Amino acid sequence: MKPRIAKFAIGQVVKHRKYPFRGIVYDVDPVFANTEEWWQSIPVEVRPRKDQPFYHLFAENADTEYVAYVSEQNLMADTSGDPMRHPQVDEMFVRALDGAYKIKAARFN
């Protein structure tokens, strides 16, 4: 499999094309890098291709916050500008005045 260039960047807020959740990208795999069991558990009619970037998200829906692993084909940019409420977002990112999320600078003491 030839890896593709990721469409979304770390710190970018995205939303799922089919399901009602959004998330912030905190890591990217250039191609599928989860278990075969996980991939097989997805119904065939909606199972994504493995030869595309997959994104690790701090995700949230109306009810809860969680971590998600989502294929690029199932994501689109979230342009709402709404802040993320996932508790892990503040551990890794800071929100700039323009609403964008930037990785926190490492502190060495």
N, C-alpha and C. Protein backbone atom coordinates (compact mmCIF):
# COMPACT_ATOMS: atom_id res chain seq x y z
N MET A 1 0.83 -1.19 0.00
CA MET A 1 0.00 0.00 0.00
C MET A 1 0.87 1.25 0.00
N LYS A 2 0.55 2.16 -0.86
CA LYS A 2 1.28 3.43 -0.92
C LYS A 2 0.54 4.45 -0.06
N PRO A 3 1.21 4.98 0.99
CA PRO A 3 0.54 5.97 1.84
C PRO A 3 0.20 7.25 1.07
N ARG A 4 -0.91 7.86 1.42
CA ARG A 4 -1.31 9.14 0.83
C ARG A 4 -1.00 10.25 1.82
N ILE A 5 -0.95 11.44 1.31
CA ILE A 5 -0.74 12.60 2.18
C ILE A 5 -2.05 12.87 2.92
N ALA A 6 -1.95 13.07 4.22
CA ALA A 6 -3.13 13.31 5.04
C ALA A 6 -3.78 14.64 4.68
N LYS A 7 -5.09 14.62 4.60
CA LYS A 7 -5.89 15.80 4.27
C LYS A 7 -6.06 16.71 5.49
N PHE A 8 -6.11 16.11 6.68
CA PHE A 8 -6.34 16.86 7.91
C PHE A 8 -5.08 16.86 8.77
N ALA A 9 -4.89 17.94 9.52
CA ALA A 9 -3.67 18.13 10.32
C ALA A 9 -3.95 17.95 11.81
N ILE A 10 -2.89 17.68 12.54
CA ILE A 10 -3.02 17.60 14.00
C ILE A 10 -3.49 18.96 14.50
N GLY A 11 -4.50 18.93 15.35
CA GLY A 11 -5.10 20.16 15.88
C GLY A 11 -6.33 20.61 15.11
N GLN A 12 -6.59 19.98 13.98
CA GLN A 12 -7.75 20.37 13.17
C GLN A 12 -9.02 19.70 13.72
N VAL A 13 -10.10 20.45 13.75
CA VAL A 13 -11.40 19.92 14.18
C VAL A 13 -12.12 19.39 12.94
N VAL A 14 -12.60 18.15 13.06
CA VAL A 14 -13.28 17.47 11.96
C VAL A 14 -14.60 16.91 12.46
N LYS A 15 -15.46 16.52 11.52
CA LYS A 15 -16.70 15.86 11.90
C LYS A 15 -16.90 14.66 10.98
N HIS A 16 -17.66 13.69 11.48
CA HIS A 16 -17.93 12.48 10.72
C HIS A 16 -18.98 12.79 9.66
N ARG A 17 -18.81 12.19 8.49
CA ARG A 17 -19.75 12.42 7.38
C ARG A 17 -21.12 11.79 7.64
N LYS A 18 -21.17 10.67 8.37
CA LYS A 18 -22.43 9.94 8.54
C LYS A 18 -22.98 9.97 9.96
N TYR A 19 -22.09 9.99 10.94
CA TYR A 19 -22.52 9.90 12.33
C TYR A 19 -22.36 11.24 13.03
N PRO A 20 -23.22 11.52 14.02
CA PRO A 20 -23.22 12.84 14.66
C PRO A 20 -22.14 13.01 15.73
N PHE A 21 -20.88 13.05 15.30
CA PHE A 21 -19.82 13.38 16.24
C PHE A 21 -18.74 14.18 15.53
N ARG A 22 -17.97 14.87 16.34
CA ARG A 22 -16.84 15.66 15.86
C ARG A 22 -15.65 15.38 16.74
N GLY A 23 -14.49 15.78 16.30
CA GLY A 23 -13.30 15.54 17.09
C GLY A 23 -12.13 16.38 16.62
N ILE A 24 -11.09 16.37 17.44
CA ILE A 24 -9.86 17.07 17.09
C ILE A 24 -8.78 16.02 16.83
N VAL A 25 -8.07 16.19 15.73
CA VAL A 25 -7.03 15.24 15.34
C VAL A 25 -5.84 15.38 16.29
N TYR A 26 -5.42 14.25 16.91
CA TYR A 26 -4.22 14.30 17.74
C TYR A 26 -3.12 13.38 17.23
N ASP A 27 -3.43 12.55 16.24
CA ASP A 27 -2.41 11.72 15.60
C ASP A 27 -2.96 11.23 14.27
N VAL A 28 -2.05 10.87 13.35
CA VAL A 28 -2.45 10.39 12.03
C VAL A 28 -1.61 9.18 11.66
N ASP A 29 -2.25 8.15 11.17
CA ASP A 29 -1.57 7.00 10.58
C ASP A 29 -1.70 7.14 9.07
N PRO A 30 -0.61 7.03 8.30
CA PRO A 30 -0.69 7.21 6.85
C PRO A 30 -1.56 6.15 6.16
N VAL A 31 -1.64 4.97 6.76
CA VAL A 31 -2.55 3.91 6.32
C VAL A 31 -3.08 3.24 7.57
N PHE A 32 -4.08 2.39 7.42
CA PHE A 32 -4.69 1.68 8.54
C PHE A 32 -3.63 1.02 9.42
N ALA A 33 -3.71 1.23 10.73
CA ALA A 33 -2.73 0.67 11.65
C ALA A 33 -3.40 0.16 12.93
N ASN A 34 -4.63 -0.31 12.81
CA ASN A 34 -5.32 -0.89 13.95
C ASN A 34 -5.32 -2.40 13.75
N THR A 35 -6.04 -3.14 14.58
CA THR A 35 -6.04 -4.59 14.47
C THR A 35 -6.98 -5.07 13.36
N GLU A 36 -6.68 -6.22 12.83
CA GLU A 36 -7.55 -6.83 11.82
C GLU A 36 -8.93 -7.11 12.42
N GLU A 37 -8.95 -7.50 13.69
CA GLU A 37 -10.22 -7.76 14.38
C GLU A 37 -11.09 -6.50 14.41
N TRP A 38 -10.48 -5.36 14.70
CA TRP A 38 -11.22 -4.09 14.73
C TRP A 38 -11.80 -3.80 13.35
N TRP A 39 -10.97 -3.96 12.31
CA TRP A 39 -11.41 -3.67 10.94
C TRP A 39 -12.54 -4.61 10.52
N GLN A 40 -12.42 -5.90 10.84
CA GLN A 40 -13.44 -6.88 10.48
C GLN A 40 -14.75 -6.65 11.22
N SER A 41 -14.69 -5.98 12.38
CA SER A 41 -15.91 -5.73 13.15
C SER A 41 -16.81 -4.66 12.51
N ILE A 42 -16.28 -3.93 11.54
CA ILE A 42 -17.05 -2.91 10.84
C ILE A 42 -17.88 -3.60 9.76
N PRO A 43 -19.18 -3.33 9.69
CA PRO A 43 -20.00 -3.97 8.65
C PRO A 43 -19.43 -3.71 7.25
N VAL A 44 -19.42 -4.75 6.43
CA VAL A 44 -18.81 -4.71 5.09
C VAL A 44 -19.32 -3.52 4.28
N GLU A 45 -20.60 -3.22 4.36
CA GLU A 45 -21.17 -2.15 3.54
C GLU A 45 -20.64 -0.76 3.91
N VAL A 46 -20.05 -0.60 5.08
CA VAL A 46 -19.49 0.70 5.47
C VAL A 46 -18.01 0.61 5.84
N ARG A 47 -17.40 -0.55 5.64
CA ARG A 47 -15.99 -0.75 6.00
C ARG A 47 -15.09 0.10 5.09
N PRO A 48 -14.23 0.93 5.68
CA PRO A 48 -13.36 1.78 4.87
C PRO A 48 -12.18 1.02 4.27
N ARG A 49 -11.63 1.58 3.22
CA ARG A 49 -10.40 1.02 2.63
C ARG A 49 -9.25 1.22 3.63
N LYS A 50 -8.27 0.36 3.56
CA LYS A 50 -7.11 0.48 4.45
C LYS A 50 -6.02 1.40 3.90
N ASP A 51 -6.06 1.69 2.61
CA ASP A 51 -4.99 2.43 1.95
C ASP A 51 -5.20 3.94 1.97
N GLN A 52 -5.59 4.46 3.11
CA GLN A 52 -5.84 5.89 3.26
C GLN A 52 -5.44 6.29 4.67
N PRO A 53 -5.23 7.57 4.92
CA PRO A 53 -4.92 7.99 6.29
C PRO A 53 -6.08 7.68 7.25
N PHE A 54 -5.70 7.33 8.47
CA PHE A 54 -6.65 7.12 9.56
C PHE A 54 -6.26 8.07 10.68
N TYR A 55 -7.26 8.66 11.31
CA TYR A 55 -7.05 9.72 12.29
C TYR A 55 -7.46 9.29 13.69
N HIS A 56 -6.60 9.63 14.64
CA HIS A 56 -6.90 9.44 16.06
C HIS A 56 -7.54 10.75 16.51
N LEU A 57 -8.72 10.66 17.07
CA LEU A 57 -9.47 11.86 17.47
C LEU A 57 -9.84 11.84 18.94
N PHE A 58 -9.78 13.01 19.57
CA PHE A 58 -10.49 13.23 20.82
C PHE A 58 -11.88 13.63 20.35
N ALA A 59 -12.81 12.70 20.48
CA ALA A 59 -14.13 12.87 19.87
C ALA A 59 -15.20 13.17 20.90
N GLU A 60 -16.31 13.72 20.41
CA GLU A 60 -17.45 14.02 21.28
C GLU A 60 -18.72 14.04 20.46
N ASN A 61 -19.81 13.63 21.12
CA ASN A 61 -21.14 13.78 20.52
C ASN A 61 -21.99 14.50 21.55
N ALA A 62 -23.27 14.53 21.37
CA ALA A 62 -24.15 15.26 22.28
C ALA A 62 -24.11 14.71 23.71
N ASP A 63 -23.75 13.43 23.85
CA ASP A 63 -23.83 12.78 25.16
C ASP A 63 -22.51 12.55 25.87
N THR A 64 -21.43 12.36 25.14
CA THR A 64 -20.20 11.91 25.79
C THR A 64 -18.95 12.29 25.01
N GLU A 65 -17.81 12.07 25.63
CA GLU A 65 -16.51 12.29 25.01
C GLU A 65 -15.79 10.94 24.99
N TYR A 66 -14.99 10.72 23.96
CA TYR A 66 -14.29 9.44 23.81
C TYR A 66 -13.15 9.60 22.81
N VAL A 67 -12.40 8.53 22.58
CA VAL A 67 -11.34 8.51 21.58
C VAL A 67 -11.85 7.70 20.40
N ALA A 68 -11.61 8.19 19.19
CA ALA A 68 -12.08 7.50 17.98
C ALA A 68 -10.93 7.33 16.99
N TYR A 69 -11.07 6.33 16.13
CA TYR A 69 -10.11 6.05 15.06
C TYR A 69 -10.92 6.02 13.77
N VAL A 70 -10.71 7.00 12.89
CA VAL A 70 -11.62 7.19 11.75
C VAL A 70 -10.83 7.35 10.45
N SER A 71 -11.35 6.73 9.39
CA SER A 71 -10.72 6.84 8.07
C SER A 71 -10.97 8.23 7.48
N GLU A 72 -10.04 8.65 6.63
CA GLU A 72 -10.17 9.96 6.00
C GLU A 72 -11.46 10.08 5.19
N GLN A 73 -11.88 9.00 4.50
CA GLN A 73 -13.08 9.07 3.67
C GLN A 73 -14.33 9.39 4.47
N ASN A 74 -14.30 9.18 5.78
CA ASN A 74 -15.47 9.42 6.62
C ASN A 74 -15.42 10.74 7.37
N LEU A 75 -14.43 11.57 7.06
CA LEU A 75 -14.30 12.84 7.78
C LEU A 75 -14.40 14.03 6.84
N MET A 76 -14.80 15.14 7.42
CA MET A 76 -14.80 16.43 6.73
C MET A 76 -14.46 17.51 7.76
N ALA A 77 -13.99 18.64 7.29
CA ALA A 77 -13.63 19.73 8.20
C ALA A 77 -14.87 20.22 8.93
N ASP A 78 -14.71 20.51 10.21
CA ASP A 78 -15.78 21.12 11.00
C ASP A 78 -15.49 22.61 11.02
N THR A 79 -16.33 23.38 10.38
CA THR A 79 -16.11 24.82 10.28
C THR A 79 -17.01 25.62 11.23
N SER A 80 -17.60 24.93 12.22
CA SER A 80 -18.54 25.59 13.13
C SER A 80 -17.85 26.63 14.02
N GLY A 81 -16.57 26.41 14.33
CA GLY A 81 -15.87 27.32 15.24
C GLY A 81 -16.19 27.04 16.70
N ASP A 82 -17.07 26.08 16.97
CA ASP A 82 -17.42 25.75 18.36
C ASP A 82 -16.22 25.12 19.06
N PRO A 83 -15.98 25.49 20.33
CA PRO A 83 -14.85 24.90 21.06
C PRO A 83 -15.11 23.41 21.36
N MET A 84 -14.03 22.66 21.47
CA MET A 84 -14.13 21.26 21.86
C MET A 84 -14.27 21.20 23.38
N ARG A 85 -15.05 20.24 23.88
CA ARG A 85 -15.22 20.09 25.33
C ARG A 85 -14.53 18.84 25.87
N HIS A 86 -13.97 18.01 24.97
CA HIS A 86 -13.29 16.78 25.40
C HIS A 86 -12.20 17.14 26.40
N PRO A 87 -12.16 16.48 27.58
CA PRO A 87 -11.20 16.88 28.62
C PRO A 87 -9.73 16.73 28.23
N GLN A 88 -9.40 15.85 27.30
CA GLN A 88 -7.99 15.66 26.93
C GLN A 88 -7.49 16.74 25.97
N VAL A 89 -8.38 17.49 25.37
CA VAL A 89 -7.96 18.53 24.43
C VAL A 89 -7.07 19.54 25.14
N ASP A 90 -7.44 19.98 26.33
CA ASP A 90 -6.66 20.99 27.05
C ASP A 90 -5.31 20.47 27.52
N GLU A 91 -5.14 19.16 27.60
CA GLU A 91 -3.85 18.60 27.99
C GLU A 91 -2.83 18.70 26.86
N MET A 92 -3.30 18.70 25.62
CA MET A 92 -2.41 18.63 24.47
C MET A 92 -2.41 19.90 23.61
N PHE A 93 -3.51 20.65 23.65
CA PHE A 93 -3.66 21.81 22.76
C PHE A 93 -4.00 23.08 23.53
N VAL A 94 -3.72 24.20 22.89
CA VAL A 94 -4.19 25.50 23.38
C VAL A 94 -4.95 26.12 22.22
N ARG A 95 -6.01 26.82 22.56
CA ARG A 95 -6.84 27.44 21.54
C ARG A 95 -6.38 28.87 21.31
N ALA A 96 -6.04 29.18 20.07
CA ALA A 96 -5.58 30.51 19.71
C ALA A 96 -6.75 31.48 19.65
N LEU A 97 -6.46 32.76 19.56
CA LEU A 97 -7.50 33.78 19.50
C LEU A 97 -8.41 33.60 18.29
N ASP A 98 -7.86 33.05 17.20
CA ASP A 98 -8.68 32.84 16.00
C ASP A 98 -9.50 31.55 16.07
N GLY A 99 -9.42 30.81 17.20
CA GLY A 99 -10.19 29.59 17.38
C GLY A 99 -9.47 28.32 16.98
N ALA A 100 -8.31 28.46 16.34
CA ALA A 100 -7.54 27.28 15.92
C ALA A 100 -6.87 26.63 17.13
N TYR A 101 -6.67 25.33 17.06
CA TYR A 101 -5.99 24.61 18.13
C TYR A 101 -4.54 24.37 17.73
N LYS A 102 -3.62 24.69 18.64
CA LYS A 102 -2.19 24.51 18.42
C LYS A 102 -1.66 23.58 19.51
N ILE A 103 -0.68 22.77 19.14
CA ILE A 103 -0.06 21.87 20.12
C ILE A 103 0.64 22.72 21.16
N LYS A 104 0.47 22.35 22.43
CA LYS A 104 1.15 23.07 23.52
C LYS A 104 2.65 22.88 23.39
N ALA A 105 3.38 23.92 23.68
CA ALA A 105 4.84 23.85 23.66
C ALA A 105 5.29 22.96 24.82
N ALA A 106 6.29 22.13 24.56
CA ALA A 106 6.83 21.26 25.61
C ALA A 106 7.56 22.12 26.62
N ARG A 107 7.37 21.75 27.88
CA ARG A 107 8.07 22.48 28.95
C ARG A 107 9.08 21.53 29.56
N PHE A 108 10.30 22.00 29.63
CA PHE A 108 11.38 21.21 30.24
C PHE A 108 11.83 21.93 31.50
N ASN A 109 11.69 21.26 32.64
CA ASN A 109 12.07 21.87 33.92
C ASN A 109 13.29 21.20 34.46
